[in-house]
Amino acid sequence: YTDTAEIIRATLRKLDGMDEAAAPPYLRGYLQAIRQTSLG
């Protein structure tokens, strides 16, 4: 993904309340990245 910081923030907002199974292909990549990112 080559998204800018602004696009990343906007895309994360699109995940608000979205069930994992309902995510379209583009957003599934974001879900995968979330699973690989430290929580703190």
PDB file of all heavy atoms in Angstrom:
ATOM      1  N   TYR A   1       0.865  -1.180   0.000  1.00  0.00           N
ATOM      2  CA  TYR A   1       0.000   0.000   0.000  1.00  0.00           C
ATOM      3  C   TYR A   1       0.904   1.233   0.000  1.00  0.00           C
ATOM      4  O   TYR A   1       1.896   1.281   0.725  1.00  0.00           O
ATOM      5  CB  TYR A   1      -0.888   0.026   1.243  1.00  0.00           C
ATOM      6  CG  TYR A   1      -2.066  -0.917   1.201  1.00  0.00           C
ATOM      7  CD1 TYR A   1      -1.895  -2.284   1.393  1.00  0.00           C
ATOM      8  CD2 TYR A   1      -3.352  -0.443   0.969  1.00  0.00           C
ATOM      9  CE1 TYR A   1      -2.977  -3.147   1.357  1.00  0.00           C
ATOM     10  CE2 TYR A   1      -4.447  -1.298   0.938  1.00  0.00           C
ATOM     11  CZ  TYR A   1      -4.251  -2.656   1.129  1.00  0.00           C
ATOM     12  OH  TYR A   1      -5.318  -3.507   1.094  1.00  0.00           O
ATOM     13  N   THR A   2       0.545   2.216  -0.773  1.00  0.00           N
ATOM     14  CA  THR A   2       1.341   3.449  -0.844  1.00  0.00           C
ATOM     15  C   THR A   2       0.538   4.650  -0.351  1.00  0.00           C
ATOM     16  O   THR A   2       0.784   5.785  -0.759  1.00  0.00           O
ATOM     17  CB  THR A   2       1.813   3.708  -2.292  1.00  0.00           C
ATOM     18  OG1 THR A   2       0.665   3.783  -3.156  1.00  0.00           O
ATOM     19  CG2 THR A   2       2.746   2.598  -2.758  1.00  0.00           C
ATOM     20  N   ASP A   3      -0.404   4.407   0.535  1.00  0.00           N
ATOM     21  CA  ASP A   3      -1.298   5.464   1.018  1.00  0.00           C
ATOM     22  C   ASP A   3      -0.551   6.506   1.846  1.00  0.00           C
ATOM     23  O   ASP A   3       0.360   6.173   2.617  1.00  0.00           O
ATOM     24  CB  ASP A   3      -2.414   4.855   1.870  1.00  0.00           C
ATOM     25  CG  ASP A   3      -3.323   3.944   1.063  1.00  0.00           C
ATOM     26  OD1 ASP A   3      -3.230   3.982  -0.182  1.00  0.00           O
ATOM     27  OD2 ASP A   3      -4.110   3.193   1.670  1.00  0.00           O
ATOM     28  N   THR A   4      -0.946   7.750   1.693  1.00  0.00           N
ATOM     29  CA  THR A   4      -0.392   8.826   2.510  1.00  0.00           C
ATOM     30  C   THR A   4      -0.961   8.740   3.915  1.00  0.00           C
ATOM     31  O   THR A   4      -1.930   8.010   4.174  1.00  0.00           O
ATOM     32  CB  THR A   4      -0.759  10.190   1.923  1.00  0.00           C
ATOM     33  OG1 THR A   4      -2.198  10.346   1.976  1.00  0.00           O
ATOM     34  CG2 THR A   4      -0.262  10.321   0.489  1.00  0.00           C
ATOM     35  N   ALA A   5      -0.365   9.489   4.848  1.00  0.00           N
ATOM     36  CA  ALA A   5      -0.846   9.502   6.235  1.00  0.00           C
ATOM     37  C   ALA A   5      -2.309   9.927   6.285  1.00  0.00           C
ATOM     38  O   ALA A   5      -3.110   9.368   7.053  1.00  0.00           O
ATOM     39  CB  ALA A   5       0.018  10.437   7.076  1.00  0.00           C
ATOM     40  N   GLU A   6      -2.681  10.906   5.466  1.00  0.00           N
ATOM     41  CA  GLU A   6      -4.067  11.385   5.446  1.00  0.00           C
ATOM     42  C   GLU A   6      -5.019  10.296   4.968  1.00  0.00           C
ATOM     43  O   GLU A   6      -6.104  10.092   5.551  1.00  0.00           O
ATOM     44  CB  GLU A   6      -4.176  12.609   4.534  1.00  0.00           C
ATOM     45  CG  GLU A   6      -5.557  13.240   4.535  1.00  0.00           C
ATOM     46  CD  GLU A   6      -5.632  14.483   3.661  1.00  0.00           C
ATOM     47  OE1 GLU A   6      -4.587  14.898   3.111  1.00  0.00           O
ATOM     48  OE2 GLU A   6      -6.743  15.041   3.526  1.00  0.00           O
ATOM     49  N   ILE A   7      -4.616   9.559   3.941  1.00  0.00           N
ATOM     50  CA  ILE A   7      -5.469   8.479   3.424  1.00  0.00           C
ATOM     51  C   ILE A   7      -5.560   7.343   4.437  1.00  0.00           C
ATOM     52  O   ILE A   7      -6.627   6.740   4.614  1.00  0.00           O
ATOM     53  CB  ILE A   7      -4.937   7.961   2.072  1.00  0.00           C
ATOM     54  CG1 ILE A   7      -5.111   9.044   1.001  1.00  0.00           C
ATOM     55  CG2 ILE A   7      -5.646   6.677   1.658  1.00  0.00           C
ATOM     56  CD1 ILE A   7      -4.504   8.679  -0.344  1.00  0.00           C
ATOM     57  N   ILE A   8      -4.459   7.051   5.121  1.00  0.00           N
ATOM     58  CA  ILE A   8      -4.489   5.987   6.140  1.00  0.00           C
ATOM     59  C   ILE A   8      -5.490   6.341   7.230  1.00  0.00           C
ATOM     60  O   ILE A   8      -6.319   5.504   7.639  1.00  0.00           O
ATOM     61  CB  ILE A   8      -3.085   5.769   6.743  1.00  0.00           C
ATOM     62  CG1 ILE A   8      -2.155   5.168   5.696  1.00  0.00           C
ATOM     63  CG2 ILE A   8      -3.164   4.851   7.970  1.00  0.00           C
ATOM     64  CD1 ILE A   8      -0.708   5.062   6.150  1.00  0.00           C
ATOM     65  N   ARG A   9      -5.457   7.580   7.695  1.00  0.00           N
ATOM     66  CA  ARG A   9      -6.403   7.995   8.737  1.00  0.00           C
ATOM     67  C   ARG A   9      -7.845   7.889   8.232  1.00  0.00           C
ATOM     68  O   ARG A   9      -8.729   7.394   8.939  1.00  0.00           O
ATOM     69  CB  ARG A   9      -6.103   9.418   9.195  1.00  0.00           C
ATOM     70  CG  ARG A   9      -4.785   9.558   9.954  1.00  0.00           C
ATOM     71  CD  ARG A   9      -4.698  10.898  10.663  1.00  0.00           C
ATOM     72  NE  ARG A   9      -4.692  12.017   9.730  1.00  0.00           N
ATOM     73  CZ  ARG A   9      -3.603  12.551   9.195  1.00  0.00           C
ATOM     74  NH1 ARG A   9      -2.404  12.037   9.480  1.00  0.00           N
ATOM     75  NH2 ARG A   9      -3.682  13.581   8.365  1.00  0.00           N
ATOM     76  N   ALA A  10      -8.063   8.343   7.010  1.00  0.00           N
ATOM     77  CA  ALA A  10      -9.418   8.292   6.444  1.00  0.00           C
ATOM     78  C   ALA A  10      -9.892   6.849   6.274  1.00  0.00           C
ATOM     79  O   ALA A  10     -11.064   6.535   6.510  1.00  0.00           O
ATOM     80  CB  ALA A  10      -9.440   9.024   5.098  1.00  0.00           C
ATOM     81  N   THR A  11      -8.980   5.970   5.868  1.00  0.00           N
ATOM     82  CA  THR A  11      -9.358   4.568   5.657  1.00  0.00           C
ATOM     83  C   THR A  11      -9.639   3.873   6.976  1.00  0.00           C
ATOM     84  O   THR A  11     -10.568   3.053   7.085  1.00  0.00           O
ATOM     85  CB  THR A  11      -8.255   3.833   4.875  1.00  0.00           C
ATOM     86  OG1 THR A  11      -7.959   4.553   3.682  1.00  0.00           O
ATOM     87  CG2 THR A  11      -8.700   2.417   4.510  1.00  0.00           C
ATOM     88  N   LEU A  12      -8.852   4.178   8.004  1.00  0.00           N
ATOM     89  CA  LEU A  12      -9.121   3.613   9.329  1.00  0.00           C
ATOM     90  C   LEU A  12     -10.513   4.011   9.809  1.00  0.00           C
ATOM     91  O   LEU A  12     -11.214   3.219  10.445  1.00  0.00           O
ATOM     92  CB  LEU A  12      -8.052   4.064  10.324  1.00  0.00           C
ATOM     93  CG  LEU A  12      -6.657   3.457  10.144  1.00  0.00           C
ATOM     94  CD1 LEU A  12      -5.655   4.143  11.070  1.00  0.00           C
ATOM     95  CD2 LEU A  12      -6.666   1.947  10.402  1.00  0.00           C
ATOM     96  N   ARG A  13     -10.910   5.224   9.491  1.00  0.00           N
ATOM     97  CA  ARG A  13     -12.255   5.676   9.874  1.00  0.00           C
ATOM     98  C   ARG A  13     -13.332   4.824   9.199  1.00  0.00           C
ATOM     99  O   ARG A  13     -14.398   4.582   9.767  1.00  0.00           O
ATOM    100  CB  ARG A  13     -12.461   7.142   9.512  1.00  0.00           C
ATOM    101  CG  ARG A  13     -11.611   8.120  10.305  1.00  0.00           C
ATOM    102  CD  ARG A  13     -11.922   9.545   9.866  1.00  0.00           C
ATOM    103  NE  ARG A  13     -10.922  10.476  10.337  1.00  0.00           N
ATOM    104  CZ  ARG A  13     -10.869  10.972  11.573  1.00  0.00           C
ATOM    105  NH1 ARG A  13     -11.793  10.611  12.449  1.00  0.00           N
ATOM    106  NH2 ARG A  13      -9.927  11.817  11.934  1.00  0.00           N
ATOM    107  N   LYS A  14     -13.057   4.374   7.975  1.00  0.00           N
ATOM    108  CA  LYS A  14     -14.035   3.551   7.253  1.00  0.00           C
ATOM    109  C   LYS A  14     -14.249   2.202   7.939  1.00  0.00           C
ATOM    110  O   LYS A  14     -15.265   1.531   7.704  1.00  0.00           O
ATOM    111  CB  LYS A  14     -13.571   3.331   5.820  1.00  0.00           C
ATOM    112  CG  LYS A  14     -13.589   4.587   4.964  1.00  0.00           C
ATOM    113  CD  LYS A  14     -13.082   4.290   3.557  1.00  0.00           C
ATOM    114  CE  LYS A  14     -13.048   5.560   2.711  1.00  0.00           C
ATOM    115  NZ  LYS A  14     -12.519   5.301   1.340  1.00  0.00           N
ATOM    116  N   LEU A  15     -13.272   1.788   8.756  1.00  0.00           N
ATOM    117  CA  LEU A  15     -13.390   0.495   9.448  1.00  0.00           C
ATOM    118  C   LEU A  15     -14.253   0.587  10.706  1.00  0.00           C
ATOM    119  O   LEU A  15     -14.537  -0.429  11.334  1.00  0.00           O
ATOM    120  CB  LEU A  15     -12.006  -0.020   9.833  1.00  0.00           C
ATOM    121  CG  LEU A  15     -11.075  -0.374   8.674  1.00  0.00           C
ATOM    122  CD1 LEU A  15      -9.697  -0.745   9.205  1.00  0.00           C
ATOM    123  CD2 LEU A  15     -11.657  -1.520   7.849  1.00  0.00           C
ATOM    124  N   ASP A  16     -14.642   1.797  11.079  1.00  0.00           N
ATOM    125  CA  ASP A  16     -15.436   2.001  12.290  1.00  0.00           C
ATOM    126  C   ASP A  16     -16.708   1.159  12.248  1.00  0.00           C
ATOM    127  O   ASP A  16     -17.574   1.361  11.385  1.00  0.00           O
ATOM    128  CB  ASP A  16     -15.799   3.484  12.412  1.00  0.00           C
ATOM    129  CG  ASP A  16     -16.600   3.793  13.663  1.00  0.00           C
ATOM    130  OD1 ASP A  16     -16.538   3.006  14.630  1.00  0.00           O
ATOM    131  OD2 ASP A  16     -17.285   4.838  13.685  1.00  0.00           O
ATOM    132  N   GLY A  17     -16.811   0.181  13.161  1.00  0.00           N
ATOM    133  CA  GLY A  17     -18.012  -0.635  13.262  1.00  0.00           C
ATOM    134  C   GLY A  17     -18.154  -1.705  12.198  1.00  0.00           C
ATOM    135  O   GLY A  17     -19.169  -2.408  12.165  1.00  0.00           O
ATOM    136  N   MET A  18     -17.158  -1.864  11.327  1.00  0.00           N
ATOM    137  CA  MET A  18     -17.283  -2.824  10.223  1.00  0.00           C
ATOM    138  C   MET A  18     -16.847  -4.220  10.650  1.00  0.00           C
ATOM    139  O   MET A  18     -15.745  -4.418  11.155  1.00  0.00           O
ATOM    140  CB  MET A  18     -16.433  -2.364   9.035  1.00  0.00           C
ATOM    141  CG  MET A  18     -16.531  -3.295   7.824  1.00  0.00           C
ATOM    142  SD  MET A  18     -15.513  -2.717   6.433  1.00  0.00           S
ATOM    143  CE  MET A  18     -16.433  -1.238   5.960  1.00  0.00           C
ATOM    144  N   ASP A  19     -17.726  -5.203  10.449  1.00  0.00           N
ATOM    145  CA  ASP A  19     -17.365  -6.584  10.736  1.00  0.00           C
ATOM    146  C   ASP A  19     -16.279  -7.047   9.771  1.00  0.00           C
ATOM    147  O   ASP A  19     -16.269  -6.656   8.589  1.00  0.00           O
ATOM    148  CB  ASP A  19     -18.586  -7.498  10.609  1.00  0.00           C
ATOM    149  CG  ASP A  19     -19.580  -7.285  11.743  1.00  0.00           C
ATOM    150  OD1 ASP A  19     -19.144  -6.917  12.846  1.00  0.00           O
ATOM    151  OD2 ASP A  19     -20.792  -7.467  11.508  1.00  0.00           O
ATOM    152  N   GLU A  20     -15.400  -7.888  10.259  1.00  0.00           N
ATOM    153  CA  GLU A  20     -14.277  -8.353   9.442  1.00  0.00           C
ATOM    154  C   GLU A  20     -14.750  -9.034   8.170  1.00  0.00           C
ATOM    155  O   GLU A  20     -14.200  -8.815   7.084  1.00  0.00           O
ATOM    156  CB  GLU A  20     -13.412  -9.298  10.275  1.00  0.00           C
ATOM    157  CG  GLU A  20     -12.095  -9.640   9.661  1.00  0.00           C
ATOM    158  CD  GLU A  20     -11.183 -10.396  10.614  1.00  0.00           C
ATOM    159  OE1 GLU A  20     -11.653 -10.844  11.683  1.00  0.00           O
ATOM    160  OE2 GLU A  20      -9.995 -10.530  10.294  1.00  0.00           O
ATOM    161  N   ALA A  21     -15.794  -9.847   8.272  1.00  0.00           N
ATOM    162  CA  ALA A  21     -16.271 -10.604   7.108  1.00  0.00           C
ATOM    163  C   ALA A  21     -16.888  -9.698   6.047  1.00  0.00           C
ATOM    164  O   ALA A  21     -16.964 -10.071   4.875  1.00  0.00           O
ATOM    165  CB  ALA A  21     -17.297 -11.645   7.553  1.00  0.00           C
ATOM    166  N   ALA A  22     -17.321  -8.505   6.469  1.00  0.00           N
ATOM    167  CA  ALA A  22     -17.991  -7.605   5.530  1.00  0.00           C
ATOM    168  C   ALA A  22     -17.028  -6.667   4.823  1.00  0.00           C
ATOM    169  O   ALA A  22     -17.437  -5.914   3.933  1.00  0.00           O
ATOM    170  CB  ALA A  22     -19.051  -6.783   6.271  1.00  0.00           C
ATOM    171  N   ALA A  23     -15.761  -6.707   5.171  1.00  0.00           N
ATOM    172  CA  ALA A  23     -14.797  -5.762   4.605  1.00  0.00           C
ATOM    173  C   ALA A  23     -14.512  -6.084   3.137  1.00  0.00           C
ATOM    174  O   ALA A  23     -14.238  -7.233   2.795  1.00  0.00           O
ATOM    175  CB  ALA A  23     -13.505  -5.794   5.403  1.00  0.00           C
ATOM    176  N   PRO A  24     -14.556  -5.078   2.241  1.00  0.00           N
ATOM    177  CA  PRO A  24     -14.198  -5.307   0.839  1.00  0.00           C
ATOM    178  C   PRO A  24     -12.695  -5.576   0.719  1.00  0.00           C
ATOM    179  O   PRO A  24     -11.940  -5.316   1.661  1.00  0.00           O
ATOM    180  CB  PRO A  24     -14.587  -3.986   0.163  1.00  0.00           C
ATOM    181  CG  PRO A  24     -14.588  -2.974   1.254  1.00  0.00           C
ATOM    182  CD  PRO A  24     -14.980  -3.694   2.497  1.00  0.00           C
ATOM    183  N   PRO A  25     -12.258  -6.094  -0.418  1.00  0.00           N
ATOM    184  CA  PRO A  25     -10.849  -6.504  -0.566  1.00  0.00           C
ATOM    185  C   PRO A  25      -9.831  -5.445  -0.162  1.00  0.00           C
ATOM    186  O   PRO A  25      -8.843  -5.755   0.504  1.00  0.00           O
ATOM    187  CB  PRO A  25     -10.750  -6.847  -2.054  1.00  0.00           C
ATOM    188  CG  PRO A  25     -12.135  -7.294  -2.417  1.00  0.00           C
ATOM    189  CD  PRO A  25     -13.062  -6.442  -1.612  1.00  0.00           C
ATOM    190  N   TYR A  26     -10.039  -4.189  -0.566  1.00  0.00           N
ATOM    191  CA  TYR A  26      -9.062  -3.147  -0.245  1.00  0.00           C
ATOM    192  C   TYR A  26      -8.909  -2.985   1.257  1.00  0.00           C
ATOM    193  O   TYR A  26      -7.799  -2.837   1.773  1.00  0.00           O
ATOM    194  CB  TYR A  26      -9.494  -1.821  -0.872  1.00  0.00           C
ATOM    195  CG  TYR A  26      -8.513  -0.690  -0.624  1.00  0.00           C
ATOM    196  CD1 TYR A  26      -7.355  -0.581  -1.383  1.00  0.00           C
ATOM    197  CD2 TYR A  26      -8.747   0.260   0.371  1.00  0.00           C
ATOM    198  CE1 TYR A  26      -6.448   0.441  -1.166  1.00  0.00           C
ATOM    199  CE2 TYR A  26      -7.847   1.290   0.602  1.00  0.00           C
ATOM    200  CZ  TYR A  26      -6.700   1.377  -0.173  1.00  0.00           C
ATOM    201  OH  TYR A  26      -5.807   2.392   0.056  1.00  0.00           O
ATOM    202  N   LEU A  27     -10.012  -3.029   1.989  1.00  0.00           N
ATOM    203  CA  LEU A  27      -9.964  -2.841   3.434  1.00  0.00           C
ATOM    204  C   LEU A  27      -9.445  -4.083   4.156  1.00  0.00           C
ATOM    205  O   LEU A  27      -8.936  -3.979   5.263  1.00  0.00           O
ATOM    206  CB  LEU A  27     -11.351  -2.468   3.965  1.00  0.00           C
ATOM    207  CG  LEU A  27     -11.883  -1.095   3.526  1.00  0.00           C
ATOM    208  CD1 LEU A  27     -13.232  -0.811   4.176  1.00  0.00           C
ATOM    209  CD2 LEU A  27     -10.888   0.008   3.868  1.00  0.00           C
ATOM    210  N   ARG A  28      -9.534  -5.232   3.531  1.00  0.00           N
ATOM    211  CA  ARG A  28      -9.002  -6.444   4.172  1.00  0.00           C
ATOM    212  C   ARG A  28      -7.499  -6.345   4.355  1.00  0.00           C
ATOM    213  O   ARG A  28      -6.932  -6.879   5.308  1.00  0.00           O
ATOM    214  CB  ARG A  28      -9.349  -7.687   3.339  1.00  0.00           C
ATOM    215  CG  ARG A  28     -10.803  -8.103   3.463  1.00  0.00           C
ATOM    216  CD  ARG A  28     -11.140  -9.290   2.608  1.00  0.00           C
ATOM    217  NE  ARG A  28     -12.583  -9.371   2.372  1.00  0.00           N
ATOM    218  CZ  ARG A  28     -13.142  -9.977   1.336  1.00  0.00           C
ATOM    219  NH1 ARG A  28     -12.375 -10.575   0.432  1.00  0.00           N
ATOM    220  NH2 ARG A  28     -14.442  -9.988   1.211  1.00  0.00           N
ATOM    221  N   GLY A  29      -6.834  -5.655   3.451  1.00  0.00           N
ATOM    222  CA  GLY A  29      -5.400  -5.414   3.611  1.00  0.00           C
ATOM    223  C   GLY A  29      -5.128  -4.599   4.861  1.00  0.00           C
ATOM    224  O   GLY A  29      -4.143  -4.842   5.571  1.00  0.00           O
ATOM    225  N   TYR A  30      -5.993  -3.646   5.150  1.00  0.00           N
ATOM    226  CA  TYR A  30      -5.862  -2.848   6.366  1.00  0.00           C
ATOM    227  C   TYR A  30      -6.070  -3.721   7.606  1.00  0.00           C
ATOM    228  O   TYR A  30      -5.349  -3.589   8.597  1.00  0.00           O
ATOM    229  CB  TYR A  30      -6.865  -1.692   6.358  1.00  0.00           C
ATOM    230  CG  TYR A  30      -6.284  -0.417   5.785  1.00  0.00           C
ATOM    231  CD1 TYR A  30      -6.062  -0.290   4.419  1.00  0.00           C
ATOM    232  CD2 TYR A  30      -5.939   0.643   6.607  1.00  0.00           C
ATOM    233  CE1 TYR A  30      -5.520   0.872   3.886  1.00  0.00           C
ATOM    234  CE2 TYR A  30      -5.394   1.812   6.092  1.00  0.00           C
ATOM    235  CZ  TYR A  30      -5.179   1.919   4.726  1.00  0.00           C
ATOM    236  OH  TYR A  30      -4.620   3.070   4.214  1.00  0.00           O
ATOM    237  N   LEU A  31      -7.031  -4.609   7.542  1.00  0.00           N
ATOM    238  CA  LEU A  31      -7.257  -5.513   8.677  1.00  0.00           C
ATOM    239  C   LEU A  31      -6.035  -6.399   8.902  1.00  0.00           C
ATOM    240  O   LEU A  31      -5.647  -6.656  10.047  1.00  0.00           O
ATOM    241  CB  LEU A  31      -8.504  -6.369   8.427  1.00  0.00           C
ATOM    242  CG  LEU A  31      -9.832  -5.623   8.244  1.00  0.00           C
ATOM    243  CD1 LEU A  31     -10.969  -6.607   8.042  1.00  0.00           C
ATOM    244  CD2 LEU A  31     -10.127  -4.724   9.428  1.00  0.00           C
ATOM    245  N   GLN A  32      -5.442  -6.844   7.812  1.00  0.00           N
ATOM    246  CA  GLN A  32      -4.227  -7.670   7.922  1.00  0.00           C
ATOM    247  C   GLN A  32      -3.088  -6.864   8.542  1.00  0.00           C
ATOM    248  O   GLN A  32      -2.353  -7.361   9.412  1.00  0.00           O
ATOM    249  CB  GLN A  32      -3.810  -8.180   6.539  1.00  0.00           C
ATOM    250  CG  GLN A  32      -2.613  -9.119   6.577  1.00  0.00           C
ATOM    251  CD  GLN A  32      -2.243  -9.642   5.199  1.00  0.00           C
ATOM    252  OE1 GLN A  32      -3.031  -9.546   4.244  1.00  0.00           O
ATOM    253  NE2 GLN A  32      -1.039 -10.181   5.075  1.00  0.00           N
ATOM    254  N   ALA A  33      -2.942  -5.604   8.136  1.00  0.00           N
ATOM    255  CA  ALA A  33      -1.892  -4.748   8.685  1.00  0.00           C
ATOM    256  C   ALA A  33      -2.120  -4.490  10.179  1.00  0.00           C
ATOM    257  O   ALA A  33      -1.170  -4.469  10.968  1.00  0.00           O
ATOM    258  CB  ALA A  33      -1.841  -3.425   7.932  1.00  0.00           C
ATOM    259  N   ILE A  34      -3.378  -4.327  10.554  1.00  0.00           N
ATOM    260  CA  ILE A  34      -3.705  -4.125  11.974  1.00  0.00           C
ATOM    261  C   ILE A  34      -3.274  -5.330  12.790  1.00  0.00           C
ATOM    262  O   ILE A  34      -2.715  -5.200  13.881  1.00  0.00           O
ATOM    263  CB  ILE A  34      -5.214  -3.850  12.140  1.00  0.00           C
ATOM    264  CG1 ILE A  34      -5.544  -2.438  11.654  1.00  0.00           C
ATOM    265  CG2 ILE A  34      -5.650  -4.027  13.595  1.00  0.00           C
ATOM    266  CD1 ILE A  34      -7.023  -2.129  11.585  1.00  0.00           C
ATOM    267  N   ARG A  35      -3.498  -6.507  12.261  1.00  0.00           N
ATOM    268  CA  ARG A  35      -3.131  -7.726  13.002  1.00  0.00           C
ATOM    269  C   ARG A  35      -1.611  -7.866  13.150  1.00  0.00           C
ATOM    270  O   ARG A  35      -1.141  -8.577  14.020  1.00  0.00           O
ATOM    271  CB  ARG A  35      -3.702  -8.958  12.306  1.00  0.00           C
ATOM    272  CG  ARG A  35      -5.233  -9.044  12.374  1.00  0.00           C
ATOM    273  CD  ARG A  35      -5.708 -10.471  12.310  1.00  0.00           C
ATOM    274  NE  ARG A  35      -7.159 -10.590  12.347  1.00  0.00           N
ATOM    275  CZ  ARG A  35      -7.894 -10.588  13.445  1.00  0.00           C
ATOM    276  NH1 ARG A  35      -7.311 -10.429  14.619  1.00  0.00           N
ATOM    277  NH2 ARG A  35      -9.210 -10.727  13.391  1.00  0.00           N
ATOM    278  N   GLN A  36      -0.862  -7.194  12.296  1.00  0.00           N
ATOM    279  CA  GLN A  36       0.596  -7.288  12.338  1.00  0.00           C
ATOM    280  C   GLN A  36       1.249  -6.117  13.077  1.00  0.00           C
ATOM    281  O   GLN A  36       2.461  -6.081  13.239  1.00  0.00           O
ATOM    282  CB  GLN A  36       1.136  -7.352  10.902  1.00  0.00           C
ATOM    283  CG  GLN A  36       0.710  -8.616  10.162  1.00  0.00           C
ATOM    284  CD  GLN A  36       1.011  -8.552   8.672  1.00  0.00           C
ATOM    285  OE1 GLN A  36       1.397  -7.516   8.148  1.00  0.00           O
ATOM    286  NE2 GLN A  36       0.810  -9.666   7.982  1.00  0.00           N
ATOM    287  N   THR A  37       0.436  -5.157  13.538  1.00  0.00           N
ATOM    288  CA  THR A  37       0.952  -3.945  14.164  1.00  0.00           C
ATOM    289  C   THR A  37       0.883  -4.044  15.680  1.00  0.00           C
ATOM    290  O   THR A  37      -0.112  -4.528  16.232  1.00  0.00           O
ATOM    291  CB  THR A  37       0.151  -2.716  13.687  1.00  0.00           C
ATOM    292  OG1 THR A  37       0.262  -2.615  12.269  1.00  0.00           O
ATOM    293  CG2 THR A  37       0.665  -1.434  14.333  1.00  0.00           C
ATOM    294  N   SER A  38       1.917  -3.563  16.345  1.00  0.00           N
ATOM    295  CA  SER A  38       1.950  -3.587  17.810  1.00  0.00           C
ATOM    296  C   SER A  38       0.798  -2.778  18.385  1.00  0.00           C
ATOM    297  O   SER A  38       0.459  -1.698  17.882  1.00  0.00           O
ATOM    298  CB  SER A  38       3.283  -3.013  18.303  1.00  0.00           C
ATOM    299  OG  SER A  38       3.266  -2.848  19.697  1.00  0.00           O
ATOM    300  N   LEU A  39       0.223  -3.284  19.466  1.00  0.00           N
ATOM    301  CA  LEU A  39      -0.865  -2.580  20.147  1.00  0.00           C
ATOM    302  C   LEU A  39      -0.350  -1.616  21.210  1.00  0.00           C
ATOM    303  O   LEU A  39      -1.135  -1.040  21.960  1.00  0.00           O
ATOM    304  CB  LEU A  39      -1.833  -3.588  20.784  1.00  0.00           C
ATOM    305  CG  LEU A  39      -2.769  -4.300  19.816  1.00  0.00           C
ATOM    306  CD1 LEU A  39      -3.551  -5.396  20.528  1.00  0.00           C
ATOM    307  CD2 LEU A  39      -3.720  -3.314  19.153  1.00  0.00           C
ATOM    308  N   GLY A  40       0.935  -1.445  21.296  1.00  0.00           N
ATOM    309  CA  GLY A  40       1.504  -0.524  22.274  1.00  0.00           C
ATOM    310  C   GLY A  40       2.979  -0.794  22.457  1.00  0.00           C
ATOM    311  O   GLY A  40       3.519  -1.752  21.902  1.00  0.00           O
TER     312      GLY A  40
END
